[in-house]
């Protein structure tokens, strides 16, 4: 079967559309990588800023060494009641 002008034009148009689609796909992938890199850079800057801020943040003062706090729990008809030793009234 011989190719005529219509078949050649159709094949050329199909090849052009495939090439154009590939170019659009490549541009879209490049834009996606650019936006992903920008987002990663922004998150990295935020983490770095938080680390620097925490470095200069005032330290917590240690609580006086009074031993571990003991909680007491008892079951009531309405549910559980948890009391510290200081708030116990029995």
Protein backbone atom coordinates (compact mmCIF):
# COMPACT_ATOMS: atom_id res chain seq x y z
CA UNK A 1 0.00 0.00 0.00
CA UNK A 2 1.43 3.31 -1.06
CA UNK A 3 1.30 6.38 1.14
CA UNK A 4 -0.44 9.43 -0.21
CA UNK A 5 -0.42 13.05 0.99
CA UNK A 6 -3.32 12.51 3.41
CA UNK A 7 -1.62 9.59 5.13
CA UNK A 8 1.67 11.49 5.35
CA UNK A 9 -0.03 14.55 6.84
CA UNK A 10 -1.87 12.41 9.34
CA UNK A 11 1.31 10.67 10.44
CA UNK A 12 3.20 13.97 10.65
CA UNK A 13 0.41 15.53 12.71
CA UNK A 14 0.31 12.51 15.00
CA UNK A 15 4.08 12.64 15.49
CA UNK A 16 3.91 16.38 16.15
CA UNK A 17 1.15 15.94 18.74
CA UNK A 18 3.13 13.18 20.45
CA UNK A 19 6.21 15.42 20.58
CA UNK A 20 4.16 18.36 21.85
CA UNK A 21 2.60 16.16 24.51
CA UNK A 22 6.05 14.99 25.60
CA UNK A 23 7.25 18.60 25.83
CA UNK A 24 4.21 19.56 27.92
CA UNK A 25 4.82 16.56 30.17
CA UNK A 26 8.48 17.52 30.61
CA UNK A 27 7.57 21.12 31.44
CA UNK A 28 4.99 19.94 33.96
CA UNK A 29 7.49 17.60 35.60
CA UNK A 30 10.08 20.38 35.78
CA UNK A 31 7.56 22.71 37.41
CA UNK A 32 6.57 20.01 39.89
CA UNK A 33 10.23 19.48 40.84
CA UNK A 34 10.75 23.23 41.20
CA UNK A 35 7.74 23.59 43.50
CA UNK A 36 8.78 20.52 45.51
CA UNK A 37 12.28 21.94 45.94
CA UNK A 38 10.88 25.32 46.99
CA UNK A 39 8.57 23.67 49.52
CA UNK A 40 11.42 21.60 50.94
CA UNK A 41 13.59 24.71 51.20
CA UNK A 42 10.84 26.61 53.04
CA UNK A 43 10.29 23.74 55.48
CA UNK A 44 14.05 23.50 56.02
CA UNK A 45 14.24 27.22 56.78
CA UNK A 46 11.35 26.90 59.24
CA UNK A 47 13.06 24.01 61.06
CA UNK A 48 16.35 25.92 61.11
CA UNK A 49 14.61 28.99 62.49
CA UNK A 50 12.94 26.94 65.21
CA UNK A 51 16.26 25.33 66.14
CA UNK A 52 17.95 28.72 66.40
CA UNK A 53 15.07 30.14 68.44
CA UNK A 54 15.18 27.16 70.82
CA UNK A 55 18.94 27.59 71.19
CA UNK A 56 18.50 31.09 72.62
CA UNK A 57 15.26 30.37 74.50
CA UNK A 58 15.62 30.59 78.31
CA UNK A 59 16.13 27.23 79.95
CA UNK A 60 13.58 25.75 82.33
CA UNK A 61 14.41 25.90 85.98
CA UNK A 62 14.60 22.54 87.63
CA UNK A 63 11.90 21.79 90.17
CA UNK A 64 13.13 21.21 93.70
CA UNK A 65 13.93 17.57 94.35
CA UNK A 66 10.90 16.46 96.32
CA UNK A 67 10.75 12.94 95.01
CA UNK A 68 8.27 11.49 92.58
CA UNK A 69 4.68 12.60 92.88
CA UNK A 70 2.33 9.75 93.68
CA UNK A 71 -1.21 9.75 92.37
CA UNK A 72 -3.96 7.77 93.99
CA UNK A 73 -6.93 6.57 92.02
CA UNK A 74 -10.17 5.07 93.23
CA UNK A 75 -13.23 3.90 91.41
CA UNK A 76 -16.54 5.55 92.22
CA UNK A 77 -19.97 4.76 90.83
CA UNK A 78 -19.62 7.71 88.44
CA UNK A 79 -16.11 6.80 87.27
CA UNK A 80 -12.48 7.05 88.31
CA UNK A 81 -11.19 9.79 90.65
CA UNK A 82 -7.49 10.56 90.62
CA UNK A 83 -6.07 12.49 93.56
CA UNK A 84 -2.62 13.72 94.41
CA UNK A 85 -1.32 13.22 97.91
CA UNK A 86 -1.63 16.96 98.58
CA UNK A 87 -5.30 17.16 97.57
CA UNK A 88 -6.42 14.05 99.44
CA UNK A 89 -9.14 14.80 102.01
CA UNK A 90 -9.92 11.57 103.82
